[in-house]
Amino acid sequence: MGKMLINQRRGKGSPAFRTPGHRFLCNVEYPPLPSEAMRAQVIGFALDPAHSTPLMLLRAEDGREIYLIAPEGIAINDEVELGVNAAAKIGSVSSLGALPDGTPIFNLELKPRDGGKALRATGSGGTLISHDEETGRVTIKMSTSSKRVLVLSPECRATVGVAAGGGRLDKPFKKAGSKRKMMEARNKYYPIVRGTAMNANEHPHGGKSFGKSSTRARGTPPGKKVGHIAARQTG
């Protein structure tokens, strides 16, 4: 009897394919901030399996402790500002409308109060290019592309600086075991085995000889729907 394909098992949702949220430290997003700038002190750093970037723990003036993505160059006991009109210093969180042109930013909100959605990976960042005097909207240049820009509301918030951990991918894993431990931390499927390397009962492409077309129709049953789906041509 044949086995279920890996995408069928993933769709069923067994524990092997679920996000291990019980191991994650916290949900890193911007809390509600006051209109006036509030000072906060960096009291520690943390590594979270859910994030590639190190996290910094802040203690605000009102006693709250907040986890945020750490910028490059921040240190323990440094002071930052949190607020809609916070100053443009490394690690401070402010609204885009209050930041001057040319400010480097990361952990950017795409909509006001969404908590931060873009430029969160290690070493990522963008540059605030300009403010539109008529509409008030702000133009952001992304570091991931020389041509890509975003035009956002001035009420969107961002952190000043560049996300910490740049160059993380420059160092090779060297051993498959090291890569496996990283993938296990987030329950990622690893290693990815080719269908042609499997046995005939494990995959439609398995067996001694491939010997058949890899093109599949759009309405093919799930157990056979692998390969080139509804392809006009192959090769």
C-alpha atoms as a PDB file:
ATOM      1  CA  MET A   1       0.000   0.000   0.000  1.00  0.00           C
ATOM      2  CA  GLY A   2       1.331   3.443  -0.881  1.00  0.00           C
ATOM      3  CA  LYS A   3       2.183   6.116   1.640  1.00  0.00           C
ATOM      4  CA  MET A   4       0.726   9.585   1.971  1.00  0.00           C
ATOM      5  CA  LEU A   5       2.720  12.357   0.311  1.00  0.00           C
ATOM      6  CA  ILE A   6       4.483  14.903   2.489  1.00  0.00           C
ATOM      7  CA  ASN A   7       2.079  17.674   1.455  1.00  0.00           C
ATOM      8  CA  GLN A   8      -0.870  15.477   2.436  1.00  0.00           C
ATOM      9  CA  ARG A   9       0.618  14.883   5.878  1.00  0.00           C
ATOM     10  CA  ARG A  10       1.323  18.580   6.286  1.00  0.00           C
ATOM     11  CA  GLY A  11      -2.239  19.468   5.292  1.00  0.00           C
ATOM     12  CA  LYS A  12      -3.672  17.043   7.835  1.00  0.00           C
ATOM     13  CA  GLY A  13      -1.796  18.949  10.527  1.00  0.00           C
ATOM     14  CA  SER A  14       0.007  16.425  12.736  1.00  0.00           C
ATOM     15  CA  PRO A  15       2.244  17.744  15.570  1.00  0.00           C
ATOM     16  CA  ALA A  16       5.318  17.268  13.370  1.00  0.00           C
ATOM     17  CA  PHE A  17       4.128  20.113  11.110  1.00  0.00           C
ATOM     18  CA  ARG A  18       2.685  22.545  13.648  1.00  0.00           C
ATOM     19  CA  THR A  19       4.460  25.691  14.754  1.00  0.00           C
ATOM     20  CA  PRO A  20       6.065  25.042  18.179  1.00  0.00           C
ATOM     21  CA  GLY A  21       4.624  28.185  19.753  1.00  0.00           C
ATOM     22  CA  HIS A  22       5.131  26.810  23.267  1.00  0.00           C
ATOM     23  CA  ARG A  23       8.894  27.241  22.756  1.00  0.00           C
ATOM     24  CA  PHE A  24       8.689  30.843  21.579  1.00  0.00           C
ATOM     25  CA  LEU A  25       9.560  33.614  24.003  1.00  0.00           C
ATOM     26  CA  CYS A  26       6.915  36.206  23.142  1.00  0.00           C
ATOM     27  CA  ASN A  27       5.057  37.999  20.375  1.00  0.00           C
ATOM     28  CA  VAL A  28       7.325  40.906  19.454  1.00  0.00           C
ATOM     29  CA  GLU A  29       5.224  43.906  18.463  1.00  0.00           C
ATOM     30  CA  TYR A  30       4.904  47.560  19.366  1.00  0.00           C
ATOM     31  CA  PRO A  31       2.760  48.260  22.438  1.00  0.00           C
ATOM     32  CA  PRO A  32       0.497  51.327  22.644  1.00  0.00           C
ATOM     33  CA  LEU A  33       2.805  54.337  22.897  1.00  0.00           C
ATOM     34  CA  PRO A  34       2.140  57.766  24.431  1.00  0.00           C
ATOM     35  CA  SER A  35       2.121  60.925  22.352  1.00  0.00           C
ATOM     36  CA  GLU A  36       4.942  62.372  24.429  1.00  0.00           C
ATOM     37  CA  ALA A  37       8.325  60.655  24.323  1.00  0.00           C
ATOM     38  CA  MET A  38       8.865  58.154  27.144  1.00  0.00           C
ATOM     39  CA  ARG A  39      12.340  57.014  28.143  1.00  0.00           C
ATOM     40  CA  ALA A  40      13.240  53.339  28.456  1.00  0.00           C
ATOM     41  CA  GLN A  41      16.431  51.543  29.451  1.00  0.00           C
ATOM     42  CA  VAL A  42      17.914  48.410  27.888  1.00  0.00           C
ATOM     43  CA  ILE A  43      18.197  45.843  30.697  1.00  0.00           C
ATOM     44  CA  GLY A  44      18.966  42.693  28.720  1.00  0.00           C
ATOM     45  CA  PHE A  45      19.028  40.713  25.505  1.00  0.00           C
ATOM     46  CA  ALA A  46      17.402  37.422  24.511  1.00  0.00           C
ATOM     47  CA  LEU A  47      17.438  34.890  21.673  1.00  0.00           C
ATOM     48  CA  ASP A  48      14.102  33.496  20.523  1.00  0.00           C
ATOM     49  CA  PRO A  49      13.663  30.481  18.195  1.00  0.00           C
ATOM     50  CA  ALA A  50      10.826  32.375  16.480  1.00  0.00           C
ATOM     51  CA  HIS A  51      13.083  35.257  15.418  1.00  0.00           C
ATOM     52  CA  SER A  52      16.411  35.328  13.634  1.00  0.00           C
ATOM     53  CA  THR A  53      17.187  38.755  15.130  1.00  0.00           C
ATOM     54  CA  PRO A  54      18.233  39.184  18.798  1.00  0.00           C
ATOM     55  CA  LEU A  55      15.666  40.804  21.072  1.00  0.00           C
ATOM     56  CA  MET A  56      16.257  43.586  23.594  1.00  0.00           C
ATOM     57  CA  LEU A  57      14.359  43.889  26.863  1.00  0.00           C
ATOM     58  CA  LEU A  58      13.366  47.448  27.741  1.00  0.00           C
ATOM     59  CA  ARG A  59      12.156  48.809  31.066  1.00  0.00           C
ATOM     60  CA  ALA A  60      10.035  51.900  30.471  1.00  0.00           C
ATOM     61  CA  GLU A  61       9.442  54.818  32.817  1.00  0.00           C
ATOM     62  CA  ASP A  62       5.978  53.523  33.695  1.00  0.00           C
ATOM     63  CA  GLY A  63       7.455  50.173  34.844  1.00  0.00           C
ATOM     64  CA  ARG A  64       6.496  48.112  31.795  1.00  0.00           C
ATOM     65  CA  GLU A  65       8.995  45.609  30.410  1.00  0.00           C
ATOM     66  CA  ILE A  66       8.885  45.344  26.626  1.00  0.00           C
ATOM     67  CA  TYR A  67      10.629  43.006  24.190  1.00  0.00           C
ATOM     68  CA  LEU A  68      11.570  44.591  20.863  1.00  0.00           C
ATOM     69  CA  ILE A  69      13.909  43.705  18.006  1.00  0.00           C
ATOM     70  CA  ALA A  70      17.401  44.942  18.845  1.00  0.00           C
ATOM     71  CA  PRO A  71      19.251  47.375  16.581  1.00  0.00           C
ATOM     72  CA  GLU A  72      22.906  47.126  15.631  1.00  0.00           C
ATOM     73  CA  GLY A  73      25.155  48.890  18.167  1.00  0.00           C
ATOM     74  CA  ILE A  74      22.800  48.918  21.183  1.00  0.00           C
ATOM     75  CA  ALA A  75      24.146  47.942  24.617  1.00  0.00           C
ATOM     76  CA  ILE A  76      22.849  47.229  28.116  1.00  0.00           C
ATOM     77  CA  ASN A  77      22.063  50.385  30.138  1.00  0.00           C
ATOM     78  CA  ASP A  78      21.575  52.434  26.955  1.00  0.00           C
ATOM     79  CA  GLU A  79      18.536  54.687  26.972  1.00  0.00           C
ATOM     80  CA  VAL A  80      16.025  54.917  24.138  1.00  0.00           C
ATOM     81  CA  GLU A  81      12.803  56.824  23.645  1.00  0.00           C
ATOM     82  CA  LEU A  82       9.346  55.425  22.936  1.00  0.00           C
ATOM     83  CA  GLY A  83       6.560  57.619  21.654  1.00  0.00           C
ATOM     84  CA  VAL A  84       4.857  59.211  18.680  1.00  0.00           C
ATOM     85  CA  ASN A  85       7.314  62.124  18.738  1.00  0.00           C
ATOM     86  CA  ALA A  86      10.430  60.316  20.015  1.00  0.00           C
ATOM     87  CA  ALA A  87      13.861  61.571  18.979  1.00  0.00           C
ATOM     88  CA  ALA A  88      15.728  59.922  16.109  1.00  0.00           C
ATOM     89  CA  LYS A  89      18.351  57.999  18.117  1.00  0.00           C
ATOM     90  CA  ILE A  90      19.435  54.377  17.777  1.00  0.00           C
ATOM     91  CA  GLY A  91      16.809  52.020  19.213  1.00  0.00           C
ATOM     92  CA  SER A  92      14.075  54.618  19.651  1.00  0.00           C
ATOM     93  CA  VAL A  93      10.546  53.915  18.421  1.00  0.00           C
ATOM     94  CA  SER A  94       8.766  56.806  16.745  1.00  0.00           C
ATOM     95  CA  SER A  95       6.139  57.547  14.112  1.00  0.00           C
ATOM     96  CA  LEU A  96       7.361  58.095  10.559  1.00  0.00           C
ATOM     97  CA  GLY A  97       5.933  61.600  10.456  1.00  0.00           C
ATOM     98  CA  ALA A  98       8.223  62.727  13.300  1.00  0.00           C
ATOM     99  CA  LEU A  99      11.459  61.378  11.793  1.00  0.00           C
ATOM    100  CA  PRO A 100      13.658  63.509   9.505  1.00  0.00           C
ATOM    101  CA  ASP A 101      14.586  62.552   5.948  1.00  0.00           C
ATOM    102  CA  GLY A 102      17.517  60.156   5.663  1.00  0.00           C
ATOM    103  CA  THR A 103      16.801  58.306   8.918  1.00  0.00           C
ATOM    104  CA  PRO A 104      17.635  54.544   8.825  1.00  0.00           C
ATOM    105  CA  ILE A 105      14.735  52.460  10.145  1.00  0.00           C
ATOM    106  CA  PHE A 106      13.629  48.838  10.626  1.00  0.00           C
ATOM    107  CA  ASN A 107      10.710  46.876  12.123  1.00  0.00           C
ATOM    108  CA  LEU A 108       8.338  48.961  10.060  1.00  0.00           C
ATOM    109  CA  GLU A 109       4.552  49.093  10.354  1.00  0.00           C
ATOM    110  CA  LEU A 110       2.715  48.849   7.033  1.00  0.00           C
ATOM    111  CA  LYS A 111      -0.518  50.053   8.614  1.00  0.00           C
ATOM    112  CA  PRO A 112      -0.850  52.177  11.754  1.00  0.00           C
ATOM    113  CA  ARG A 113      -0.770  50.073  14.941  1.00  0.00           C
ATOM    114  CA  ASP A 114      -0.225  46.706  13.226  1.00  0.00           C
ATOM    115  CA  GLY A 115       2.763  46.059  15.523  1.00  0.00           C
ATOM    116  CA  GLY A 116       5.543  45.979  12.908  1.00  0.00           C
ATOM    117  CA  LYS A 117       5.521  43.766   9.818  1.00  0.00           C
ATOM    118  CA  ALA A 118       8.444  44.653   7.516  1.00  0.00           C
ATOM    119  CA  LEU A 119      12.252  44.866   7.777  1.00  0.00           C
ATOM    120  CA  ARG A 120      12.524  42.558  10.801  1.00  0.00           C
ATOM    121  CA  ALA A 121      15.161  40.044   9.656  1.00  0.00           C
ATOM    122  CA  THR A 122      18.809  40.218  10.691  1.00  0.00           C
ATOM    123  CA  GLY A 123      20.701  43.104   9.113  1.00  0.00           C
ATOM    124  CA  SER A 124      17.646  44.485   7.328  1.00  0.00           C
ATOM    125  CA  GLY A 125      16.669  48.130   7.215  1.00  0.00           C
ATOM    126  CA  GLY A 126      15.296  50.931   5.113  1.00  0.00           C
ATOM    127  CA  THR A 127      15.754  54.650   4.676  1.00  0.00           C
ATOM    128  CA  LEU A 128      13.148  57.364   5.081  1.00  0.00           C
ATOM    129  CA  ILE A 129      13.447  59.323   1.833  1.00  0.00           C
ATOM    130  CA  SER A 130      10.853  62.078   1.937  1.00  0.00           C
ATOM    131  CA  HIS A 131       7.625  63.517   3.347  1.00  0.00           C
ATOM    132  CA  ASP A 132       4.816  64.618   1.056  1.00  0.00           C
ATOM    133  CA  GLU A 133       3.804  68.115   2.155  1.00  0.00           C
ATOM    134  CA  GLU A 134       0.298  67.851   0.687  1.00  0.00           C
ATOM    135  CA  THR A 135      -0.797  64.389   1.826  1.00  0.00           C
ATOM    136  CA  GLY A 136       1.687  63.912   4.682  1.00  0.00           C
ATOM    137  CA  ARG A 137       2.537  60.409   3.494  1.00  0.00           C
ATOM    138  CA  VAL A 138       6.093  59.139   3.881  1.00  0.00           C
ATOM    139  CA  THR A 139       8.281  57.385   1.295  1.00  0.00           C
ATOM    140  CA  ILE A 140      10.530  54.544   2.456  1.00  0.00           C
ATOM    141  CA  LYS A 141      13.341  52.995   0.406  1.00  0.00           C
ATOM    142  CA  MET A 142      13.831  49.289   1.141  1.00  0.00           C
ATOM    143  CA  SER A 143      17.335  47.928   1.602  1.00  0.00           C
ATOM    144  CA  THR A 144      16.366  44.640  -0.056  1.00  0.00           C
ATOM    145  CA  SER A 145      15.993  46.313  -3.467  1.00  0.00           C
ATOM    146  CA  SER A 146      17.451  49.437  -5.018  1.00  0.00           C
ATOM    147  CA  LYS A 147      14.156  50.170  -6.812  1.00  0.00           C
ATOM    148  CA  ARG A 148      11.492  49.183  -4.290  1.00  0.00           C
ATOM    149  CA  VAL A 149       9.887  51.974  -2.268  1.00  0.00           C
ATOM    150  CA  LEU A 150       6.881  52.099   0.061  1.00  0.00           C
ATOM    151  CA  VAL A 151       4.529  55.030   0.568  1.00  0.00           C
ATOM    152  CA  LEU A 152       3.017  54.799   4.049  1.00  0.00           C
ATOM    153  CA  SER A 153       0.935  56.731   6.528  1.00  0.00           C
ATOM    154  CA  PRO A 154       2.879  59.133   8.795  1.00  0.00           C
ATOM    155  CA  GLU A 155       1.227  57.407  11.764  1.00  0.00           C
ATOM    156  CA  CYS A 156       3.070  54.141  11.072  1.00  0.00           C
ATOM    157  CA  ARG A 157       5.823  53.425  13.597  1.00  0.00           C
ATOM    158  CA  ALA A 158       9.378  52.177  13.152  1.00  0.00           C
ATOM    159  CA  THR A 159      12.582  51.664  15.120  1.00  0.00           C
ATOM    160  CA  VAL A 160      15.576  53.858  14.321  1.00  0.00           C
ATOM    161  CA  GLY A 161      18.694  52.004  13.137  1.00  0.00           C
ATOM    162  CA  VAL A 162      19.482  48.698  11.435  1.00  0.00           C
ATOM    163  CA  ALA A 163      18.353  45.303  12.725  1.00  0.00           C
ATOM    164  CA  ALA A 164      21.080  43.458  14.637  1.00  0.00           C
ATOM    165  CA  GLY A 165      22.691  40.246  13.449  1.00  0.00           C
ATOM    166  CA  GLY A 166      23.768  41.327   9.975  1.00  0.00           C
ATOM    167  CA  GLY A 167      25.937  38.775   8.167  1.00  0.00           C
ATOM    168  CA  ARG A 168      24.267  35.831   9.875  1.00  0.00           C
ATOM    169  CA  LEU A 169      24.006  33.891   6.613  1.00  0.00           C
ATOM    170  CA  ASP A 170      27.633  34.492   5.625  1.00  0.00           C
ATOM    171  CA  LYS A 171      28.935  31.708   7.854  1.00  0.00           C
ATOM    172  CA  PRO A 172      28.242  28.228   6.381  1.00  0.00           C
ATOM    173  CA  PHE A 173      26.734  25.442   8.465  1.00  0.00           C
ATOM    174  CA  LYS A 174      29.501  23.020   7.332  1.00  0.00           C
ATOM    175  CA  LYS A 175      27.661  20.018   8.868  1.00  0.00           C
ATOM    176  CA  ALA A 176      24.225  18.650   8.097  1.00  0.00           C
ATOM    177  CA  GLY A 177      23.673  18.103  11.818  1.00  0.00           C
ATOM    178  CA  SER A 178      23.992  21.813  12.556  1.00  0.00           C
ATOM    179  CA  LYS A 179      21.441  22.626   9.853  1.00  0.00           C
ATOM    180  CA  ARG A 180      19.084  19.974  11.216  1.00  0.00           C
ATOM    181  CA  LYS A 181      19.129  21.500  14.706  1.00  0.00           C
ATOM    182  CA  MET A 182      18.213  24.892  13.307  1.00  0.00           C
ATOM    183  CA  MET A 183      15.321  23.426  11.315  1.00  0.00           C
ATOM    184  CA  GLU A 184      14.075  21.403  14.310  1.00  0.00           C
ATOM    185  CA  ALA A 185      13.810  24.586  16.396  1.00  0.00           C
ATOM    186  CA  ARG A 186      10.947  25.730  14.147  1.00  0.00           C
ATOM    187  CA  ASN A 187       9.587  22.292  13.154  1.00  0.00           C
ATOM    188  CA  LYS A 188      10.671  22.713   9.535  1.00  0.00           C
ATOM    189  CA  TYR A 189      10.713  19.671   7.244  1.00  0.00           C
ATOM    190  CA  TYR A 190      14.364  18.680   6.777  1.00  0.00           C
ATOM    191  CA  PRO A 191      16.031  17.186   4.834  1.00  0.00           C
ATOM    192  CA  ILE A 192      13.943  17.520   1.670  1.00  0.00           C
ATOM    193  CA  VAL A 193      14.161  14.209  -0.174  1.00  0.00           C
ATOM    194  CA  ARG A 194      13.625  14.068  -3.938  1.00  0.00           C
ATOM    195  CA  GLY A 195      10.705  11.981  -5.104  1.00  0.00           C
ATOM    196  CA  THR A 196      12.948  10.114  -7.572  1.00  0.00           C
ATOM    197  CA  ALA A 197      15.117   8.999  -4.654  1.00  0.00           C
ATOM    198  CA  MET A 198      12.176   7.292  -2.905  1.00  0.00           C
ATOM    199  CA  ASN A 199      10.695   3.851  -3.323  1.00  0.00           C
ATOM    200  CA  ALA A 200       7.761   3.280  -5.659  1.00  0.00           C
ATOM    201  CA  ASN A 201       5.293   2.954  -2.772  1.00  0.00           C
ATOM    202  CA  GLU A 202       6.355   6.282  -1.254  1.00  0.00           C
ATOM    203  CA  HIS A 203       6.036   8.683  -4.186  1.00  0.00           C
ATOM    204  CA  PRO A 204       4.647   8.684  -7.766  1.00  0.00           C
ATOM    205  CA  HIS A 205       8.163   9.533  -9.019  1.00  0.00           C
ATOM    206  CA  GLY A 206       9.810   6.760  -6.995  1.00  0.00           C
ATOM    207  CA  GLY A 207      11.093   3.409  -8.164  1.00  0.00           C
ATOM    208  CA  LYS A 208      13.945   2.176 -10.292  1.00  0.00           C
ATOM    209  CA  SER A 209      13.015   4.111 -13.433  1.00  0.00           C
ATOM    210  CA  PHE A 210      11.078   7.337 -13.756  1.00  0.00           C
ATOM    211  CA  GLY A 211       9.545   6.174 -17.033  1.00  0.00           C
ATOM    212  CA  LYS A 212       6.477   8.436 -17.190  1.00  0.00           C
ATOM    213  CA  SER A 213       5.430  12.026 -17.660  1.00  0.00           C
ATOM    214  CA  SER A 214       5.701  14.381 -14.694  1.00  0.00           C
ATOM    215  CA  THR A 215       2.814  16.560 -15.949  1.00  0.00           C
ATOM    216  CA  ARG A 216      -0.404  16.327 -13.932  1.00  0.00           C
ATOM    217  CA  ALA A 217      -3.881  17.663 -14.634  1.00  0.00           C
ATOM    218  CA  ARG A 218      -5.464  20.306 -12.440  1.00  0.00           C
ATOM    219  CA  GLY A 219      -8.051  17.883 -11.075  1.00  0.00           C
ATOM    220  CA  THR A 220      -5.672  15.026 -10.251  1.00  0.00           C
ATOM    221  CA  PRO A 221      -6.384  13.319  -6.871  1.00  0.00           C
ATOM    222  CA  PRO A 222      -4.165  14.515  -3.989  1.00  0.00           C
ATOM    223  CA  GLY A 223      -2.071  11.329  -3.811  1.00  0.00           C
ATOM    224  CA  LYS A 224      -0.926  11.734  -7.417  1.00  0.00           C
ATOM    225  CA  LYS A 225      -0.854  15.522  -7.703  1.00  0.00           C
ATOM    226  CA  VAL A 226       2.923  16.046  -7.770  1.00  0.00           C
ATOM    227  CA  GLY A 227       5.205  17.276 -10.515  1.00  0.00           C
ATOM    228  CA  HIS A 228       4.259  19.883 -13.109  1.00  0.00           C
ATOM    229  CA  ILE A 229       0.657  20.847 -12.305  1.00  0.00           C
ATOM    230  CA  ALA A 230      -1.386  21.789 -15.413  1.00  0.00           C
ATOM    231  CA  ALA A 231       1.799  22.722 -17.276  1.00  0.00           C
ATOM    232  CA  ARG A 232       1.469  24.100 -20.797  1.00  0.00           C
ATOM    233  CA  GLN A 233       4.936  22.822 -21.607  1.00  0.00           C
ATOM    234  CA  THR A 234       7.971  21.401 -19.821  1.00  0.00           C
ATOM    235  CA  GLY A 235      11.658  21.588 -20.555  1.00  0.00           C
END
